[in-house]
Amino acid sequence: MESYGLVMLAAGSSNRMGQPKQLLAYRGKALIEYILQIALSSICKQIAVVLGANADQILPYVQQQDVLIVQNKDWKEGMASSIRCGLSALTNQFPSLAGAIFMVCDQPFVSVSLINDLVDKKKSTGKSIIACTYKETMGTPALFSSMHFPELMQLQGQDGAKKILWQHAGELETISFPMGYIDIDTMQDYQNLGSLAGGEG
């Protein structure tokens, strides 16, 4: 039976926030705890969490979980370094993965069903990339079959995986994630989140 891994990208420095957004309180937990619990409840049982900036502060919130914790020493390079770091650790530990989902820790409306839908869509369509769509763009969470792992390992600098989506349009299928455009980059974003989440902060 095919198995799919998941890489949670949580190495950023939260410059615009002024404090680690991974540790903001959300629904009774630190944000990264909340998102990680969703990931752990999904069909993906092999999970890597990539830490970088503020790793010492964030580590206590993730080290009790059944996940692979990866320290990205090159986090200042940008998103590509975390993708490479997380994927490398995941595939070294679990070399037979059929694919991997990449997600970020600051999309608070991600759900277990959304993650599972990515895998289901991959199986039902046979496409090698499944991405989420929101606000006329595509992005995370996104699933890449193992055939794309070498390309992901070649990403550099600020490049996320989006350029691979465009390069393989024929291999791409999407699912709708209307609330996916909401992420938390600034304190204003966080303050707005309370009303969007029905008053739960």
Protein backbone atom coordinates (compact mmCIF):
# COMPACT_ATOMS: atom_id res chain seq x y z
CA MET A 1 0.00 0.00 0.00
CA GLU A 2 1.29 3.44 -0.93
CA SER A 3 2.30 5.71 1.91
CA TYR A 4 2.69 9.47 1.84
CA GLY A 5 4.90 11.63 4.03
CA LEU A 6 4.42 15.20 5.12
CA VAL A 7 6.92 18.01 5.58
CA MET A 8 5.91 20.89 7.82
CA LEU A 9 7.91 24.01 7.09
CA ALA A 10 8.37 25.97 10.31
CA ALA A 11 11.90 27.39 10.06
CA GLY A 12 11.11 31.04 9.30
CA SER A 13 12.11 33.91 11.58
CA SER A 14 8.70 35.66 11.66
CA ASN A 15 10.40 39.01 11.01
CA ARG A 16 7.16 40.85 10.24
CA MET A 17 5.50 39.43 13.34
CA GLY A 18 8.27 40.39 15.75
CA GLN A 19 7.93 37.11 17.66
CA PRO A 20 7.80 33.44 16.62
CA LYS A 21 4.41 33.01 14.96
CA GLN A 22 4.74 29.26 15.47
CA LEU A 23 4.06 29.89 19.18
CA LEU A 24 1.03 32.20 18.89
CA ALA A 25 -1.95 30.92 20.86
CA TYR A 26 -4.64 29.41 18.64
CA ARG A 27 -7.59 27.28 19.77
CA GLY A 28 -5.98 26.55 23.12
CA LYS A 29 -2.58 25.52 21.77
CA ALA A 30 0.52 27.04 20.24
CA LEU A 31 -0.17 27.43 16.52
CA ILE A 32 2.45 24.86 15.53
CA GLU A 33 0.96 22.36 18.01
CA TYR A 34 -2.49 22.88 16.54
CA ILE A 35 -1.33 22.46 12.93
CA LEU A 36 0.87 19.51 13.83
CA GLN A 37 -2.05 17.76 15.52
CA ILE A 38 -4.01 18.08 12.27
CA ALA A 39 -1.11 16.62 10.31
CA LEU A 40 -0.78 13.72 12.76
CA SER A 41 -4.50 12.98 12.49
CA SER A 42 -4.28 12.71 8.71
CA ILE A 43 -3.49 9.79 6.45
CA CYS A 44 0.18 10.85 6.48
CA LYS A 45 1.97 9.02 9.27
CA GLN A 46 5.56 9.90 8.35
CA ILE A 47 5.99 13.55 9.27
CA ALA A 48 9.04 15.80 9.33
CA VAL A 49 8.97 19.19 11.06
CA VAL A 50 11.63 21.61 9.84
CA LEU A 51 12.83 24.11 12.44
CA GLY A 52 15.35 26.89 11.95
CA ALA A 53 15.04 30.34 13.50
CA ASN A 54 13.90 30.21 17.13
CA ALA A 55 14.29 26.42 17.12
CA ASP A 56 15.16 26.31 20.82
CA GLN A 57 11.91 28.06 21.71
CA ILE A 58 9.76 25.95 19.40
CA LEU A 59 11.32 22.55 20.10
CA PRO A 60 9.48 21.92 23.42
CA TYR A 61 6.15 22.20 21.58
CA VAL A 62 6.97 19.52 19.02
CA GLN A 63 9.45 17.12 20.60
CA GLN A 64 6.79 15.10 22.44
CA GLN A 65 5.07 14.30 19.13
CA ASP A 66 5.74 11.27 16.97
CA VAL A 67 7.51 13.25 14.26
CA LEU A 68 10.95 13.60 12.77
CA ILE A 69 12.43 16.91 13.91
CA VAL A 70 14.85 18.44 11.44
CA GLN A 71 17.09 21.41 12.22
CA ASN A 72 17.70 23.55 9.14
CA LYS A 73 20.99 25.32 9.76
CA ASP A 74 20.61 27.18 6.44
CA TRP A 75 17.17 28.63 7.14
CA LYS A 76 18.36 32.14 6.25
CA GLU A 77 18.70 31.00 2.64
CA GLY A 78 14.91 30.84 2.37
CA MET A 79 12.11 28.38 1.74
CA ALA A 80 14.11 26.16 -0.63
CA SER A 81 16.56 25.16 2.09
CA SER A 82 13.72 23.95 4.31
CA ILE A 83 12.13 21.99 1.48
CA ARG A 84 15.45 20.27 0.76
CA CYS A 85 16.22 19.70 4.43
CA GLY A 86 12.81 18.25 5.28
CA LEU A 87 12.54 16.08 2.18
CA SER A 88 16.05 14.73 2.61
CA ALA A 89 15.41 13.71 6.22
CA LEU A 90 12.03 12.20 5.37
CA THR A 91 13.25 10.13 2.44
CA ASN A 92 16.36 8.95 4.29
CA GLN A 93 14.14 7.63 7.06
CA PHE A 94 11.31 6.41 4.83
CA PRO A 95 12.78 5.66 1.38
CA SER A 96 9.68 4.00 -0.06
CA LEU A 97 7.30 6.97 0.15
CA ALA A 98 5.04 7.38 -2.87
CA GLY A 99 4.93 11.13 -2.36
CA ALA A 100 5.08 13.95 0.16
CA ILE A 101 2.83 16.81 1.17
CA PHE A 102 4.43 20.15 1.96
CA MET A 103 2.60 22.48 4.31
CA VAL A 104 3.35 25.59 6.32
CA CYS A 105 2.57 26.16 9.97
CA ASP A 106 0.68 29.45 9.56
CA GLN A 107 -2.37 28.45 7.50
CA PRO A 108 -4.77 28.07 10.43
CA PHE A 109 -7.72 26.78 8.40
CA VAL A 110 -5.99 23.67 7.11
CA SER A 111 -7.90 20.53 8.09
CA VAL A 112 -7.44 16.78 8.31
CA SER A 113 -9.91 16.30 5.46
CA LEU A 114 -7.98 18.72 3.25
CA ILE A 115 -4.74 16.78 3.72
CA ASN A 116 -6.51 13.49 3.08
CA ASP A 117 -8.23 14.96 0.00
CA LEU A 118 -4.82 15.69 -1.53
CA VAL A 119 -3.90 12.00 -1.26
CA ASP A 120 -7.32 10.86 -2.49
CA LYS A 121 -7.11 13.19 -5.50
CA LYS A 122 -3.64 11.87 -6.32
CA LYS A 123 -4.95 8.30 -6.24
CA SER A 124 -8.14 9.02 -8.21
CA THR A 125 -6.55 11.13 -10.96
CA GLY A 126 -3.11 9.57 -11.26
CA LYS A 127 -1.62 13.07 -11.48
CA SER A 128 1.80 13.53 -9.93
CA ILE A 129 1.17 16.94 -8.30
CA ILE A 130 -1.90 18.01 -6.35
CA ALA A 131 -2.00 21.63 -5.13
CA CYS A 132 -4.53 23.79 -3.31
CA THR A 133 -6.13 26.78 -5.01
CA TYR A 134 -7.24 29.99 -3.32
CA LYS A 135 -7.59 33.63 -4.33
CA GLU A 136 -6.62 32.91 -7.96
CA THR A 137 -3.33 31.28 -7.02
CA MET A 138 -2.01 27.84 -6.16
CA GLY A 139 0.02 26.78 -3.19
CA THR A 140 0.32 24.83 0.03
CA PRO A 141 -0.60 22.34 1.17
CA ALA A 142 0.64 20.59 -1.96
CA LEU A 143 1.45 16.97 -2.73
CA PHE A 144 4.32 15.89 -4.97
CA SER A 145 4.79 12.30 -6.05
CA SER A 146 8.25 10.83 -5.55
CA MET A 147 9.14 11.36 -9.21
CA HIS A 148 9.45 15.08 -8.39
CA PHE A 149 11.71 14.63 -5.36
CA PRO A 150 14.93 15.23 -7.38
CA GLU A 151 13.54 18.57 -8.65
CA LEU A 152 12.50 19.61 -5.16
CA MET A 153 16.03 18.86 -3.96
CA GLN A 154 17.39 21.28 -6.59
CA LEU A 155 15.40 24.31 -5.39
CA GLN A 156 17.53 27.26 -4.29
CA GLY A 157 17.14 30.46 -2.29
CA GLN A 158 13.69 31.94 -1.84
CA ASP A 159 12.17 29.51 -4.34
CA GLY A 160 9.26 27.59 -2.96
CA ALA A 161 7.89 24.64 -4.88
CA LYS A 162 5.48 26.81 -6.89
CA LYS A 163 7.76 26.97 -9.91
CA ILE A 164 7.61 23.17 -10.16
CA LEU A 165 3.81 23.43 -10.31
CA TRP A 166 4.03 25.66 -13.37
CA GLN A 167 6.68 23.53 -15.04
CA HIS A 168 4.43 20.46 -14.87
CA ALA A 169 1.00 21.90 -15.65
CA GLY A 170 0.01 18.71 -17.46
CA GLU A 171 0.73 16.66 -14.36
CA LEU A 172 -1.11 19.02 -12.03
CA GLU A 173 -4.51 18.65 -10.42
CA THR A 174 -5.96 21.06 -7.85
CA ILE A 175 -8.42 21.10 -5.00
CA SER A 176 -10.18 24.15 -3.66
CA PHE A 177 -9.10 25.54 -0.28
CA PRO A 178 -11.02 28.86 -0.09
CA MET A 179 -9.53 29.87 3.27
CA GLY A 180 -6.01 28.97 2.19
CA TYR A 181 -5.11 32.57 1.43
CA ILE A 182 -5.26 33.35 5.15
CA ASP A 183 -1.85 33.04 6.73
CA ILE A 184 -0.31 34.84 9.68
CA ASP A 185 2.57 37.13 8.79
CA THR A 186 1.81 40.19 10.92
CA MET A 187 0.20 40.95 14.26
CA GLN A 188 -2.71 42.46 12.32
CA ASP A 189 -3.21 39.12 10.56
CA TYR A 190 -3.30 37.43 13.95
CA GLN A 191 -5.77 39.93 15.38
CA ASN A 192 -8.01 39.48 12.34
CA LEU A 193 -7.91 35.73 12.83
CA GLY A 194 -10.15 35.88 15.91
CA SER A 195 -13.16 37.09 13.95
CA LEU A 196 -12.51 34.75 11.03
CA ALA A 197 -12.28 31.76 13.36
CA GLY A 198 -15.60 32.57 14.99
CA GLY A 199 -14.11 34.41 17.92
CA GLU A 200 -11.67 31.68 18.88
CA GLY A 201 -8.16 33.00 19.32
